[in-house]
C-alpha cells in the first residue's frame, strides 16, 4: 500500500471556494500537518492548471507532502506531481500506463459498482461520497454512516470518506471503517486553513 500513516487527511482544492490563494492554503495546511492533497480545479485549461500545480507542489515539497492532479494523468510527469485522482468514468489501467507504477492513483466512487471498478483496476485508494449532505453537491443523496460502513467493509482498497466531513464527524468516519477523510470546504473555505487542518488532524487521532 502506497499510503503512509500520515495520509489520513486528504485535501481537495477548489479555487472557486477558496478563502485564500490555493498555494497559500497548501502551505498553511502542510505546515499544520497535511501530507496529501489533490488539485481539483477542473475549469482551468492545461497550461494554467500546470502552472498552478507547479506552485502548489513547491509549497508541498517543503513539508514532505504529496500532490495529486485531478484527472490529468498526462500532466503528472510534466509537473512532477505524485499521482492522479480519477473521476469515476476514467480508466485506472489507462492512467497507470501514463503515470507509472510508482505514482499514486486515486479514484472517485459513489456506488458499489464504482468501488469494484477501482479495485479491479488496482487503484491505490478511493474516495467514497457523499457521506454527509454537502454544499458542493446540493441535492445529492448522502450515503450516511451505516451505508458507508457497509460499502467500505466490502472494499479491499483504503477508503476516504468524502462529502460534508468536518472535525466534528471525522472520528465517526474512522469508526465506520474509513482509512481517512477527504475534505474541501472545511479547509479551503476557512479563513485560517492551518487551524482548520489542525482541528481535523486532532479529530483523526
Protein backbone atom coordinates (compact mmCIF):
# COMPACT_ATOMS: atom_id res chain seq x y z
CA UNK A 1 0.00 0.00 0.00
CA UNK A 2 1.41 3.36 -1.05
CA UNK A 3 -0.46 5.40 1.53
CA UNK A 4 1.50 6.42 4.59
CA UNK A 5 0.30 6.53 8.22
CA UNK A 6 0.23 10.33 7.98
CA UNK A 7 -2.09 10.28 4.96
CA UNK A 8 -5.33 10.14 6.94
CA UNK A 9 -6.37 13.63 5.84
CA UNK A 10 -6.74 14.28 2.11
CA UNK A 11 -7.36 17.86 0.98
CA UNK A 12 -9.14 18.55 -2.31
CA UNK A 13 -8.67 22.10 -3.54
CA UNK A 14 -11.28 24.25 -5.26
CA UNK A 15 -10.27 27.77 -6.23
CA UNK A 16 -13.92 28.83 -6.51
CA UNK A 17 -14.50 28.10 -2.82
CA UNK A 18 -11.11 29.24 -1.54
CA UNK A 19 -10.76 31.94 1.10
CA UNK A 20 -7.11 32.46 0.07
CA UNK A 21 -4.90 31.61 -2.94
CA UNK A 22 -4.50 27.85 -3.22
CA UNK A 23 -0.72 27.97 -2.90
CA UNK A 24 -1.10 29.81 0.43
CA UNK A 25 -3.71 27.33 1.66
CA UNK A 26 -1.49 24.37 0.80
CA UNK A 27 1.49 25.94 2.52
CA UNK A 28 -0.50 26.66 5.67
CA UNK A 29 -2.22 23.27 5.72
CA UNK A 30 1.01 21.36 5.12
CA UNK A 31 2.71 23.38 7.82
CA UNK A 32 -0.03 22.19 10.19
CA UNK A 33 0.49 18.53 9.26
CA UNK A 34 -1.35 17.84 6.00
CA UNK A 35 0.55 15.30 3.88
CA UNK A 36 -1.66 14.68 0.83
CA UNK A 37 -3.74 16.91 -1.41
CA UNK A 38 -5.40 16.97 -4.81
CA UNK A 39 -5.55 19.97 -7.16
CA UNK A 40 -9.11 19.69 -8.40
CA UNK A 41 -9.66 22.90 -10.38
CA UNK A 42 -11.37 21.33 -13.39
CA UNK A 43 -12.24 24.55 -15.18
CA UNK A 44 -8.62 25.52 -15.90
CA UNK A 45 -7.01 24.73 -19.24
CA UNK A 46 -3.90 22.56 -19.12
CA UNK A 47 -1.45 25.49 -19.24
CA UNK A 48 -2.80 27.44 -16.26
CA UNK A 49 -3.51 24.20 -14.42
CA UNK A 50 0.10 23.01 -14.83
CA UNK A 51 1.40 26.40 -13.68
CA UNK A 52 -0.81 26.26 -10.60
CA UNK A 53 0.32 22.69 -9.94
CA UNK A 54 3.99 23.68 -10.06
CA UNK A 55 3.40 26.37 -7.43
CA UNK A 56 1.40 24.07 -5.17
CA UNK A 57 3.91 21.24 -5.48
CA UNK A 58 6.75 23.56 -4.48
CA UNK A 59 4.81 24.59 -1.38
CA UNK A 60 4.04 20.96 -0.51
CA UNK A 61 7.55 19.61 -1.03
CA UNK A 62 8.90 21.67 1.86
CA UNK A 63 6.72 19.55 4.17
CA UNK A 64 7.10 16.13 2.52
CA UNK A 65 3.51 16.36 1.34
CA UNK A 66 2.29 14.70 -1.85
CA UNK A 67 0.17 16.32 -4.55
CA UNK A 68 -2.17 14.57 -6.97
CA UNK A 69 -3.68 16.03 -10.12
CA UNK A 70 -7.38 15.67 -10.83
CA UNK A 71 -7.92 13.52 -13.92
CA UNK A 72 -4.91 14.86 -15.86
CA UNK A 73 -2.61 11.87 -15.94
CA UNK A 74 -0.80 13.37 -18.94
CA UNK A 75 0.47 16.24 -16.76
CA UNK A 76 1.85 14.16 -13.89
CA UNK A 77 5.36 13.79 -15.28
CA UNK A 78 5.48 17.37 -16.57
CA UNK A 79 4.58 18.84 -13.19
CA UNK A 80 6.43 16.24 -11.07
CA UNK A 81 3.17 15.53 -9.25
CA UNK A 82 2.93 12.42 -7.10
CA UNK A 83 -0.01 10.93 -8.93
CA UNK A 84 -3.50 11.42 -10.28
CA UNK A 85 -7.02 11.22 -8.87
CA UNK A 86 -9.53 9.89 -11.38
CA UNK A 87 -13.21 10.72 -11.81
CA UNK A 88 -15.35 7.60 -11.81
CA UNK A 89 -15.62 7.29 -15.60
CA UNK A 90 -11.83 7.19 -16.13
CA UNK A 91 -9.82 4.00 -16.54
CA UNK A 92 -7.37 3.18 -13.76
CA UNK A 93 -5.40 0.89 -16.08
CA UNK A 94 -5.03 3.58 -18.74
CA UNK A 95 -3.90 6.13 -16.16
CA UNK A 96 -1.37 3.71 -14.71
CA UNK A 97 0.26 3.31 -18.12
CA UNK A 98 0.72 7.07 -18.30
CA UNK A 99 1.85 7.84 -14.74
CA UNK A 100 3.85 4.70 -13.99
CA UNK A 101 3.62 2.08 -11.28
CA UNK A 102 5.22 4.22 -8.56
CA UNK A 103 2.72 7.09 -8.78
CA UNK A 104 -0.40 7.22 -6.66
CA UNK A 105 -3.71 6.62 -8.43
CA UNK A 106 -6.86 7.56 -6.54
CA UNK A 107 -10.42 7.03 -7.75
CA UNK A 108 -13.75 8.75 -7.03
CA UNK A 109 -16.51 6.28 -6.17
CA UNK A 110 -20.15 6.81 -5.27
CA UNK A 111 -21.58 3.32 -5.77
CA UNK A 112 -20.66 -0.30 -5.11
CA UNK A 113 -20.05 -0.79 -8.84
CA UNK A 114 -17.54 2.06 -8.85
CA UNK A 115 -15.78 0.63 -5.81
CA UNK A 116 -15.45 -2.67 -7.68
CA UNK A 117 -14.12 -0.88 -10.76
CA UNK A 118 -11.46 0.84 -8.68
CA UNK A 119 -10.47 -2.43 -7.03
CA UNK A 120 -10.32 -4.36 -10.30
CA UNK A 121 -8.20 -1.58 -11.83
CA UNK A 122 -5.80 -1.70 -8.86
CA UNK A 123 -6.22 1.89 -7.74
CA UNK A 124 -4.23 2.77 -4.64
CA UNK A 125 -7.23 4.24 -2.79
CA UNK A 126 -10.74 5.56 -3.31
CA UNK A 127 -12.87 8.41 -2.07
CA UNK A 128 -16.47 7.39 -1.35
CA UNK A 129 -19.04 10.16 -1.36
CA UNK A 130 -21.14 11.89 -0.32
CA UNK A 131 -21.16 10.54 3.20
CA UNK A 132 -23.00 13.55 4.61
CA UNK A 133 -25.00 16.34 2.92
CA UNK A 134 -22.59 18.79 1.30
CA UNK A 135 -22.90 22.26 -0.17
CA UNK A 136 -20.67 21.28 -3.09
CA UNK A 137 -23.32 18.80 -4.35
CA UNK A 138 -26.69 20.25 -3.36
CA UNK A 139 -29.48 17.74 -3.72
CA UNK A 140 -27.17 14.72 -3.82
CA UNK A 141 -28.42 11.92 -1.58
CA UNK A 142 -25.99 11.31 1.27
CA UNK A 143 -24.92 7.74 1.96
CA UNK A 144 -24.97 8.10 5.73
CA UNK A 145 -22.54 6.32 8.02
CA UNK A 146 -24.35 2.96 8.08
CA UNK A 147 -24.31 2.51 4.29
CA UNK A 148 -20.81 3.96 4.09
CA UNK A 149 -19.64 1.35 6.61
CA UNK A 150 -21.27 -1.49 4.65
CA UNK A 151 -19.74 -0.38 1.36
CA UNK A 152 -16.32 0.20 2.89
CA UNK A 153 -16.24 -3.19 4.57
CA UNK A 154 -16.65 -4.86 1.17
CA UNK A 155 -13.87 -2.84 -0.47
CA UNK A 156 -10.28 -4.12 -0.47
CA UNK A 157 -8.83 -0.64 -1.01
CA UNK A 158 -8.27 2.14 1.54
CA UNK A 159 -11.40 4.31 1.52
CA UNK A 160 -11.54 8.02 2.32
CA UNK A 161 -14.87 9.42 3.49
CA UNK A 162 -15.79 12.48 1.42
CA UNK A 163 -18.71 14.87 1.48
CA UNK A 164 -19.72 17.04 4.40
CA UNK A 165 -16.83 15.85 6.55
CA UNK A 166 -15.81 18.17 9.40
CA UNK A 167 -13.76 17.95 12.57
CA UNK A 168 -16.99 17.13 14.39
CA UNK A 169 -17.73 13.95 12.40
CA UNK A 170 -14.29 12.85 11.17
CA UNK A 171 -13.75 10.34 14.00
CA UNK A 172 -17.13 8.76 13.27
CA UNK A 173 -15.94 8.14 9.70
CA UNK A 174 -12.93 6.25 11.02
CA UNK A 175 -15.21 4.25 13.30
CA UNK A 176 -17.26 3.35 10.21
CA UNK A 177 -14.20 1.85 8.53
CA UNK A 178 -12.66 4.77 6.66
CA UNK A 179 -8.90 4.80 6.21
CA UNK A 180 -9.11 8.59 6.41
CA UNK A 181 -11.23 11.57 5.41
CA UNK A 182 -11.17 13.84 2.39
CA UNK A 183 -12.27 17.46 2.68
CA UNK A 184 -12.53 20.58 0.57
CA UNK A 185 -14.52 23.43 2.09
CA UNK A 186 -13.59 22.52 5.66
CA UNK A 187 -10.05 23.75 4.93
CA UNK A 188 -10.15 25.62 1.62
CA UNK A 189 -13.05 27.82 2.68
CA UNK A 190 -11.72 28.55 6.16
CA UNK A 191 -10.07 31.89 6.89
CA UNK A 192 -7.46 30.02 8.96
CA UNK A 193 -6.53 26.88 6.96
CA UNK A 194 -3.76 25.94 9.39
CA UNK A 195 -6.14 25.89 12.37
CA UNK A 196 -8.78 24.04 10.35
CA UNK A 197 -6.20 21.42 9.39
CA UNK A 198 -5.02 21.04 12.97
CA UNK A 199 -8.62 20.54 14.16
CA UNK A 200 -9.22 17.81 11.60
CA UNK A 201 -5.94 16.03 12.35
CA UNK A 202 -6.69 16.15 16.06
CA UNK A 203 -10.10 14.61 15.41
CA UNK A 204 -8.47 11.82 13.41
CA UNK A 205 -6.13 10.94 16.27
